[in-house]
Amino acid sequence: MPHAAHVRDTTDQVRSQPVMNSIIYIVGLVVVVLFILSFLGLR
């Protein structure tokens, strides 16, 4: 089961990197804001 161990290692790395999580969160927020602005602009 080397694949399962590799997945567990990557999840541990992601959990120990809150900066990466916040970057993904910020990017998601920017995409949502741009989508809302374009939707209002198209109307």
PDB file of N, CA and C in Angstrom:
ATOM      1  N   MET A   1       0.839  -1.209   0.000  1.00  0.00           N
ATOM      2  CA  MET A   1       0.000   0.000   0.000  1.00  0.00           C
ATOM      3  C   MET A   1       0.872   1.258   0.000  1.00  0.00           C
ATOM      4  N   PRO A   2       1.805   1.417  -0.936  1.00  0.00           N
ATOM      5  CA  PRO A   2       2.658   2.618  -0.935  1.00  0.00           C
ATOM      6  C   PRO A   2       1.869   3.861  -1.314  1.00  0.00           C
ATOM      7  N   HIS A   3       0.816   3.680  -2.124  1.00  0.00           N
ATOM      8  CA  HIS A   3       0.042   4.841  -2.566  1.00  0.00           C
ATOM      9  C   HIS A   3      -0.692   5.485  -1.384  1.00  0.00           C
ATOM     10  N   ALA A   4      -1.283   4.646  -0.523  1.00  0.00           N
ATOM     11  CA  ALA A   4      -2.011   5.185   0.629  1.00  0.00           C
ATOM     12  C   ALA A   4      -1.047   5.949   1.537  1.00  0.00           C
ATOM     13  N   ALA A   5       0.163   5.409   1.742  1.00  0.00           N
ATOM     14  CA  ALA A   5       1.143   6.089   2.587  1.00  0.00           C
ATOM     15  C   ALA A   5       1.529   7.431   1.957  1.00  0.00           C
ATOM     16  N   HIS A   6       1.661   7.446   0.628  1.00  0.00           N
ATOM     17  CA  HIS A   6       2.021   8.697  -0.042  1.00  0.00           C
ATOM     18  C   HIS A   6       0.911   9.730   0.138  1.00  0.00           C
ATOM     19  N   VAL A   7      -0.334   9.308   0.013  1.00  0.00           N
ATOM     20  CA  VAL A   7      -1.452  10.241   0.195  1.00  0.00           C
ATOM     21  C   VAL A   7      -1.451  10.772   1.623  1.00  0.00           C
ATOM     22  N   ARG A   8      -1.165   9.903   2.592  1.00  0.00           N
ATOM     23  CA  ARG A   8      -1.150  10.336   3.984  1.00  0.00           C
ATOM     24  C   ARG A   8      -0.031  11.366   4.197  1.00  0.00           C
ATOM     25  N   ASP A   9       1.115  11.154   3.555  1.00  0.00           N
ATOM     26  CA  ASP A   9       2.223  12.106   3.692  1.00  0.00           C
ATOM     27  C   ASP A   9       1.837  13.462   3.091  1.00  0.00           C
ATOM     28  N   THR A  10       1.204  13.444   1.933  1.00  0.00           N
ATOM     29  CA  THR A  10       0.843  14.712   1.293  1.00  0.00           C
ATOM     30  C   THR A  10      -0.200  15.450   2.132  1.00  0.00           C
ATOM     31  N   THR A  11      -1.156  14.725   2.725  1.00  0.00           N
ATOM     32  CA  THR A  11      -2.157  15.404   3.552  1.00  0.00           C
ATOM     33  C   THR A  11      -1.496  15.992   4.783  1.00  0.00           C
ATOM     34  N   ASP A  12      -0.486  15.302   5.353  1.00  0.00           N
ATOM     35  CA  ASP A  12       0.230  15.864   6.499  1.00  0.00           C
ATOM     36  C   ASP A  12       0.968  17.142   6.081  1.00  0.00           C
ATOM     37  N   GLN A  13       1.553  17.144   4.897  1.00  0.00           N
ATOM     38  CA  GLN A  13       2.260  18.336   4.426  1.00  0.00           C
ATOM     39  C   GLN A  13       1.272  19.489   4.234  1.00  0.00           C
ATOM     40  N   VAL A  14       0.115  19.201   3.661  1.00  0.00           N
ATOM     41  CA  VAL A  14      -0.875  20.260   3.438  1.00  0.00           C
ATOM     42  C   VAL A  14      -1.361  20.799   4.778  1.00  0.00           C
ATOM     43  N   ARG A  15      -1.575  19.902   5.759  1.00  0.00           N
ATOM     44  CA  ARG A  15      -2.070  20.336   7.058  1.00  0.00           C
ATOM     45  C   ARG A  15      -1.033  21.196   7.769  1.00  0.00           C
ATOM     46  N   SER A  16       0.257  20.956   7.497  1.00  0.00           N
ATOM     47  CA  SER A  16       1.310  21.726   8.158  1.00  0.00           C
ATOM     48  C   SER A  16       1.642  22.996   7.374  1.00  0.00           C
ATOM     49  N   GLN A  17       0.874  23.287   6.336  1.00  0.00           N
ATOM     50  CA  GLN A  17       1.111  24.510   5.544  1.00  0.00           C
ATOM     51  C   GLN A  17      -0.170  25.342   5.497  1.00  0.00           C
ATOM     52  N   PRO A  18      -0.480  26.091   6.558  1.00  0.00           N
ATOM     53  CA  PRO A  18      -1.697  26.919   6.545  1.00  0.00           C
ATOM     54  C   PRO A  18      -1.621  28.035   5.516  1.00  0.00           C
ATOM     55  N   VAL A  19      -0.390  28.429   5.129  1.00  0.00           N
ATOM     56  CA  VAL A  19      -0.241  29.493   4.129  1.00  0.00           C
ATOM     57  C   VAL A  19      -0.835  29.033   2.803  1.00  0.00           C
ATOM     58  N   MET A  20      -0.555  27.792   2.418  1.00  0.00           N
ATOM     59  CA  MET A  20      -1.091  27.264   1.165  1.00  0.00           C
ATOM     60  C   MET A  20      -2.614  27.226   1.226  1.00  0.00           C
ATOM     61  N   ASN A  21      -3.156  26.847   2.377  1.00  0.00           N
ATOM     62  CA  ASN A  21      -4.613  26.776   2.520  1.00  0.00           C
ATOM     63  C   ASN A  21      -5.227  28.160   2.372  1.00  0.00           C
ATOM     64  N   SER A  22      -4.613  29.176   2.973  1.00  0.00           N
ATOM     65  CA  SER A  22      -5.160  30.527   2.881  1.00  0.00           C
ATOM     66  C   SER A  22      -5.049  31.049   1.455  1.00  0.00           C
ATOM     67  N   ILE A  23      -3.971  30.666   0.746  1.00  0.00           N
ATOM     68  CA  ILE A  23      -3.823  31.103  -0.651  1.00  0.00           C
ATOM     69  C   ILE A  23      -4.959  30.521  -1.489  1.00  0.00           C
ATOM     70  N   ILE A  24      -5.252  29.224  -1.290  1.00  0.00           N
ATOM     71  CA  ILE A  24      -6.343  28.596  -2.043  1.00  0.00           C
ATOM     72  C   ILE A  24      -7.663  29.279  -1.690  1.00  0.00           C
ATOM     73  N   TYR A  25      -7.859  29.612  -0.404  1.00  0.00           N
ATOM     74  CA  TYR A  25      -9.090  30.263   0.034  1.00  0.00           C
ATOM     75  C   TYR A  25      -9.227  31.640  -0.606  1.00  0.00           C
ATOM     76  N   ILE A  26      -8.126  32.399  -0.647  1.00  0.00           N
ATOM     77  CA  ILE A  26      -8.159  33.743  -1.239  1.00  0.00           C
ATOM     78  C   ILE A  26      -8.441  33.654  -2.739  1.00  0.00           C
ATOM     79  N   VAL A  27      -7.792  32.694  -3.408  1.00  0.00           N
ATOM     80  CA  VAL A  27      -8.025  32.537  -4.852  1.00  0.00           C
ATOM     81  C   VAL A  27      -9.488  32.198  -5.109  1.00  0.00           C
ATOM     82  N   GLY A  28     -10.055  31.323  -4.276  1.00  0.00           N
ATOM     83  CA  GLY A  28     -11.475  30.972  -4.435  1.00  0.00           C
ATOM     84  C   GLY A  28     -12.370  32.192  -4.255  1.00  0.00           C
ATOM     85  N   LEU A  29     -12.060  33.021  -3.257  1.00  0.00           N
ATOM     86  CA  LEU A  29     -12.863  34.220  -3.030  1.00  0.00           C
ATOM     87  C   LEU A  29     -12.767  35.175  -4.222  1.00  0.00           C
ATOM     88  N   VAL A  30     -11.552  35.327  -4.771  1.00  0.00           N
ATOM     89  CA  VAL A  30     -11.372  36.222  -5.918  1.00  0.00           C
ATOM     90  C   VAL A  30     -12.180  35.721  -7.107  1.00  0.00           C
ATOM     91  N   VAL A  31     -12.166  34.415  -7.341  1.00  0.00           N
ATOM     92  CA  VAL A  31     -12.922  33.858  -8.466  1.00  0.00           C
ATOM     93  C   VAL A  31     -14.412  34.115  -8.271  1.00  0.00           C
ATOM     94  N   VAL A  32     -14.908  33.927  -7.052  1.00  0.00           N
ATOM     95  CA  VAL A  32     -16.339  34.157  -6.789  1.00  0.00           C
ATOM     96  C   VAL A  32     -16.687  35.628  -6.992  1.00  0.00           C
ATOM     97  N   VAL A  33     -15.827  36.535  -6.504  1.00  0.00           N
ATOM     98  CA  VAL A  33     -16.104  37.975  -6.657  1.00  0.00           C
ATOM     99  C   VAL A  33     -16.106  38.350  -8.140  1.00  0.00           C
ATOM    100  N   LEU A  34     -15.126  37.843  -8.894  1.00  0.00           N
ATOM    101  CA  LEU A  34     -15.081  38.159 -10.324  1.00  0.00           C
ATOM    102  C   LEU A  34     -16.322  37.607 -11.029  1.00  0.00           C
ATOM    103  N   PHE A  35     -16.756  36.413 -10.635  1.00  0.00           N
ATOM    104  CA  PHE A  35     -17.955  35.832 -11.256  1.00  0.00           C
ATOM    105  C   PHE A  35     -19.179  36.692 -10.961  1.00  0.00           C
ATOM    106  N   ILE A  36     -19.310  37.156  -9.720  1.00  0.00           N
ATOM    107  CA  ILE A  36     -20.462  37.999  -9.367  1.00  0.00           C
ATOM    108  C   ILE A  36     -20.406  39.322 -10.129  1.00  0.00           C
ATOM    109  N   LEU A  37     -19.221  39.927 -10.216  1.00  0.00           N
ATOM    110  CA  LEU A  37     -19.098  41.210 -10.918  1.00  0.00           C
ATOM    111  C   LEU A  37     -19.431  41.040 -12.399  1.00  0.00           C
ATOM    112  N   SER A  38     -18.939  39.956 -13.011  1.00  0.00           N
ATOM    113  CA  SER A  38     -19.224  39.741 -14.440  1.00  0.00           C
ATOM    114  C   SER A  38     -20.722  39.459 -14.627  1.00  0.00           C
ATOM    115  N   PHE A  39     -21.317  38.754 -13.672  1.00  0.00           N
ATOM    116  CA  PHE A  39     -22.766  38.457 -13.778  1.00  0.00           C
ATOM    117  C   PHE A  39     -23.577  39.752 -13.695  1.00  0.00           C
ATOM    118  N   LEU A  40     -23.219  40.626 -12.768  1.00  0.00           N
ATOM    119  CA  LEU A  40     -23.930  41.901 -12.642  1.00  0.00           C
ATOM    120  C   LEU A  40     -23.652  42.774 -13.859  1.00  0.00           C
ATOM    121  N   GLY A  41     -22.427  42.694 -14.408  1.00  0.00           N
ATOM    122  CA  GLY A  41     -22.095  43.501 -15.569  1.00  0.00           C
ATOM    123  C   GLY A  41     -22.857  43.036 -16.810  1.00  0.00           C
ATOM    124  N   LEU A  42     -23.054  41.733 -16.946  1.00  0.00           N
ATOM    125  CA  LEU A  42     -23.793  41.199 -18.099  1.00  0.00           C
ATOM    126  C   LEU A  42     -25.259  41.576 -18.022  1.00  0.00           C
ATOM    127  N   ARG A  43     -25.797  41.730 -16.796  1.00  0.00           N
ATOM    128  CA  ARG A  43     -27.176  42.163 -16.664  1.00  0.00           C
ATOM    129  C   ARG A  43     -27.239  43.670 -16.916  1.00  0.00           C
TER     130      ARG A  43
END
